[in-house]
Amino acid sequence: MMIESARGGSRSGARVTPTRVAWLGAAVVALLLIVPIHILGPGDHEQQSCGNVLQTDLSRWRGPSDGDYWERAYRACNSERIDRIGQAVGVVSLTVLAVTLLTARARRRDASEH
């Protein structure tokens, strides 16, 4: 059973607007860019933060006793950064597509009402 709004559409469809979809997409992209990236720490099996997509911090892996951990940490952190950038690009693409479709649907609905 659908609840109809005054304009003849469903009430849940009225809540999904292009502006809200754009804000949601922007929030998800911001989280993907800001949330810390966790990789394995030197010599143990605990995950430690190496920064985020915007800033890398490999200071925990530097030092004479660390051996080749810095190189491994650099590769692991960069791999995770590239994955996050790809995810952010995907979210931007889907957001643009959804906003375009919602805008076209709204214009078509407005044109049919006039």
C-alpha atoms as a PDB file:
ATOM      1  CA  MET A   1       0.000   0.000   0.000  1.00  0.00           C
ATOM      2  CA  MET A   2       1.620   3.264  -1.143  1.00  0.00           C
ATOM      3  CA  ILE A   3       0.868   6.632   0.400  1.00  0.00           C
ATOM      4  CA  GLU A   4       0.252   9.168  -2.315  1.00  0.00           C
ATOM      5  CA  SER A   5       1.358  12.777  -1.954  1.00  0.00           C
ATOM      6  CA  ALA A   6      -0.607  15.805  -3.149  1.00  0.00           C
ATOM      7  CA  ARG A   7       1.281  15.857  -6.473  1.00  0.00           C
ATOM      8  CA  GLY A   8       0.337  12.286  -7.276  1.00  0.00           C
ATOM      9  CA  GLY A   9       3.734  10.674  -6.542  1.00  0.00           C
ATOM     10  CA  SER A  10       4.744   8.494  -3.667  1.00  0.00           C
ATOM     11  CA  ARG A  11       5.803  10.143  -0.446  1.00  0.00           C
ATOM     12  CA  SER A  12       9.096   8.221  -0.333  1.00  0.00           C
ATOM     13  CA  GLY A  13       9.920   9.450  -3.859  1.00  0.00           C
ATOM     14  CA  ALA A  14       9.485  13.038  -2.676  1.00  0.00           C
ATOM     15  CA  ARG A  15      12.198  12.528  -0.060  1.00  0.00           C
ATOM     16  CA  VAL A  16      14.827  11.518  -2.610  1.00  0.00           C
ATOM     17  CA  THR A  17      15.860  14.797  -4.188  1.00  0.00           C
ATOM     18  CA  PRO A  18      18.908  15.553  -6.329  1.00  0.00           C
ATOM     19  CA  THR A  19      20.228  17.875  -3.628  1.00  0.00           C
ATOM     20  CA  ARG A  20      20.033  15.217  -0.931  1.00  0.00           C
ATOM     21  CA  VAL A  21      21.696  12.639  -3.162  1.00  0.00           C
ATOM     22  CA  ALA A  22      24.495  15.111  -3.954  1.00  0.00           C
ATOM     23  CA  TRP A  23      25.041  15.865  -0.250  1.00  0.00           C
ATOM     24  CA  LEU A  24      25.081  12.161   0.588  1.00  0.00           C
ATOM     25  CA  GLY A  25      27.623  11.484  -2.165  1.00  0.00           C
ATOM     26  CA  ALA A  26      29.802  14.351  -0.971  1.00  0.00           C
ATOM     27  CA  ALA A  27      29.682  13.030   2.603  1.00  0.00           C
ATOM     28  CA  VAL A  28      30.703   9.522   1.519  1.00  0.00           C
ATOM     29  CA  VAL A  29      33.599  10.898  -0.564  1.00  0.00           C
ATOM     30  CA  ALA A  30      34.747  13.042   2.367  1.00  0.00           C
ATOM     31  CA  LEU A  31      34.704  10.005   4.662  1.00  0.00           C
ATOM     32  CA  LEU A  32      36.678   7.944   2.155  1.00  0.00           C
ATOM     33  CA  LEU A  33      39.325  10.651   1.961  1.00  0.00           C
ATOM     34  CA  ILE A  34      39.550  11.424   5.692  1.00  0.00           C
ATOM     35  CA  VAL A  35      39.175   8.045   7.454  1.00  0.00           C
ATOM     36  CA  PRO A  36      42.607   6.670   8.470  1.00  0.00           C
ATOM     37  CA  ILE A  37      44.184   3.828   6.523  1.00  0.00           C
ATOM     38  CA  HIS A  38      45.326   0.904   8.682  1.00  0.00           C
ATOM     39  CA  ILE A  39      48.136  -1.443   7.657  1.00  0.00           C
ATOM     40  CA  LEU A  40      50.247  -3.978   9.540  1.00  0.00           C
ATOM     41  CA  GLY A  41      52.804  -2.473  11.869  1.00  0.00           C
ATOM     42  CA  PRO A  42      56.510  -3.369  11.874  1.00  0.00           C
ATOM     43  CA  GLY A  43      57.195  -6.761  13.424  1.00  0.00           C
ATOM     44  CA  ASP A  44      53.709  -7.433  14.746  1.00  0.00           C
ATOM     45  CA  HIS A  45      50.266  -8.381  13.528  1.00  0.00           C
ATOM     46  CA  GLU A  46      48.397  -5.285  14.718  1.00  0.00           C
ATOM     47  CA  GLN A  47      47.105  -2.794  12.228  1.00  0.00           C
ATOM     48  CA  GLN A  48      48.402   0.745  12.632  1.00  0.00           C
ATOM     49  CA  SER A  49      47.390   3.956  10.924  1.00  0.00           C
ATOM     50  CA  CYS A  50      49.604   5.233   8.122  1.00  0.00           C
ATOM     51  CA  GLY A  51      47.612   8.427   7.598  1.00  0.00           C
ATOM     52  CA  ASN A  52      44.775   8.892   5.141  1.00  0.00           C
ATOM     53  CA  VAL A  53      44.374   9.491   1.407  1.00  0.00           C
ATOM     54  CA  LEU A  54      45.330  13.141   1.749  1.00  0.00           C
ATOM     55  CA  GLN A  55      48.372  12.740   4.027  1.00  0.00           C
ATOM     56  CA  THR A  56      50.713   9.800   4.589  1.00  0.00           C
ATOM     57  CA  ASP A  57      52.495   9.306   7.917  1.00  0.00           C
ATOM     58  CA  LEU A  58      55.080   6.521   7.851  1.00  0.00           C
ATOM     59  CA  SER A  59      57.064   7.761  10.866  1.00  0.00           C
ATOM     60  CA  ARG A  60      56.363   4.535  12.807  1.00  0.00           C
ATOM     61  CA  TRP A  61      58.186   2.532  10.165  1.00  0.00           C
ATOM     62  CA  ARG A  62      61.364   4.663  10.090  1.00  0.00           C
ATOM     63  CA  GLY A  63      64.442   3.829  12.098  1.00  0.00           C
ATOM     64  CA  PRO A  64      67.623   1.780  11.934  1.00  0.00           C
ATOM     65  CA  SER A  65      66.120  -1.291  13.636  1.00  0.00           C
ATOM     66  CA  ASP A  66      63.127  -1.479  11.318  1.00  0.00           C
ATOM     67  CA  GLY A  67      64.979  -3.078   8.435  1.00  0.00           C
ATOM     68  CA  ASP A  68      62.917  -3.146   5.285  1.00  0.00           C
ATOM     69  CA  TYR A  69      59.588  -2.452   7.011  1.00  0.00           C
ATOM     70  CA  TRP A  70      59.494   1.101   5.651  1.00  0.00           C
ATOM     71  CA  GLU A  71      59.445  -0.105   2.052  1.00  0.00           C
ATOM     72  CA  ARG A  72      56.691  -2.639   2.809  1.00  0.00           C
ATOM     73  CA  ALA A  73      54.697  -0.031   4.705  1.00  0.00           C
ATOM     74  CA  TYR A  74      55.090   2.451   1.849  1.00  0.00           C
ATOM     75  CA  ARG A  75      53.815  -0.081  -0.691  1.00  0.00           C
ATOM     76  CA  ALA A  76      50.919  -1.259   1.501  1.00  0.00           C
ATOM     77  CA  CYS A  77      49.849   2.274   2.364  1.00  0.00           C
ATOM     78  CA  ASN A  78      50.024   3.443  -1.247  1.00  0.00           C
ATOM     79  CA  SER A  79      48.018   0.416  -2.356  1.00  0.00           C
ATOM     80  CA  GLU A  80      45.293   1.261   0.165  1.00  0.00           C
ATOM     81  CA  ARG A  81      45.383   4.925  -0.873  1.00  0.00           C
ATOM     82  CA  ILE A  82      44.907   3.996  -4.529  1.00  0.00           C
ATOM     83  CA  ASP A  83      41.979   1.750  -3.582  1.00  0.00           C
ATOM     84  CA  ARG A  84      40.345   4.566  -1.619  1.00  0.00           C
ATOM     85  CA  ILE A  85      40.825   7.028  -4.474  1.00  0.00           C
ATOM     86  CA  GLY A  86      39.202   4.533  -6.836  1.00  0.00           C
ATOM     87  CA  GLN A  87      36.284   4.098  -4.446  1.00  0.00           C
ATOM     88  CA  ALA A  88      35.877   7.873  -4.178  1.00  0.00           C
ATOM     89  CA  VAL A  89      35.873   8.225  -7.978  1.00  0.00           C
ATOM     90  CA  GLY A  90      33.230   5.494  -8.162  1.00  0.00           C
ATOM     91  CA  VAL A  91      31.046   7.263  -5.599  1.00  0.00           C
ATOM     92  CA  VAL A  92      31.382  10.551  -7.500  1.00  0.00           C
ATOM     93  CA  SER A  93      30.391   8.811 -10.747  1.00  0.00           C
ATOM     94  CA  LEU A  94      27.354   7.156  -9.196  1.00  0.00           C
ATOM     95  CA  THR A  95      26.335  10.396  -7.511  1.00  0.00           C
ATOM     96  CA  VAL A  96      26.510  12.331 -10.787  1.00  0.00           C
ATOM     97  CA  LEU A  97      24.488   9.623 -12.539  1.00  0.00           C
ATOM     98  CA  ALA A  98      21.835   9.538  -9.793  1.00  0.00           C
ATOM     99  CA  VAL A  99      21.518  13.339  -9.674  1.00  0.00           C
ATOM    100  CA  THR A 100      21.211  13.480 -13.465  1.00  0.00           C
ATOM    101  CA  LEU A 101      18.492  10.821 -13.512  1.00  0.00           C
ATOM    102  CA  LEU A 102      16.566  12.434 -10.644  1.00  0.00           C
ATOM    103  CA  THR A 103      16.776  15.854 -12.275  1.00  0.00           C
ATOM    104  CA  ALA A 104      15.558  14.475 -15.620  1.00  0.00           C
ATOM    105  CA  ARG A 105      12.670  12.682 -13.892  1.00  0.00           C
ATOM    106  CA  ALA A 106      11.680  15.856 -12.046  1.00  0.00           C
ATOM    107  CA  ARG A 107      11.764  17.907 -15.266  1.00  0.00           C
ATOM    108  CA  ARG A 108       9.693  15.314 -17.097  1.00  0.00           C
ATOM    109  CA  ARG A 109       7.150  15.275 -14.257  1.00  0.00           C
ATOM    110  CA  ASP A 110       6.957  19.087 -14.218  1.00  0.00           C
ATOM    111  CA  ALA A 111       6.521  19.212 -18.004  1.00  0.00           C
ATOM    112  CA  SER A 112       3.687  16.676 -17.914  1.00  0.00           C
ATOM    113  CA  GLU A 113       1.867  18.659 -15.192  1.00  0.00           C
ATOM    114  CA  HIS A 114       1.831  21.843 -17.253  1.00  0.00           C
END
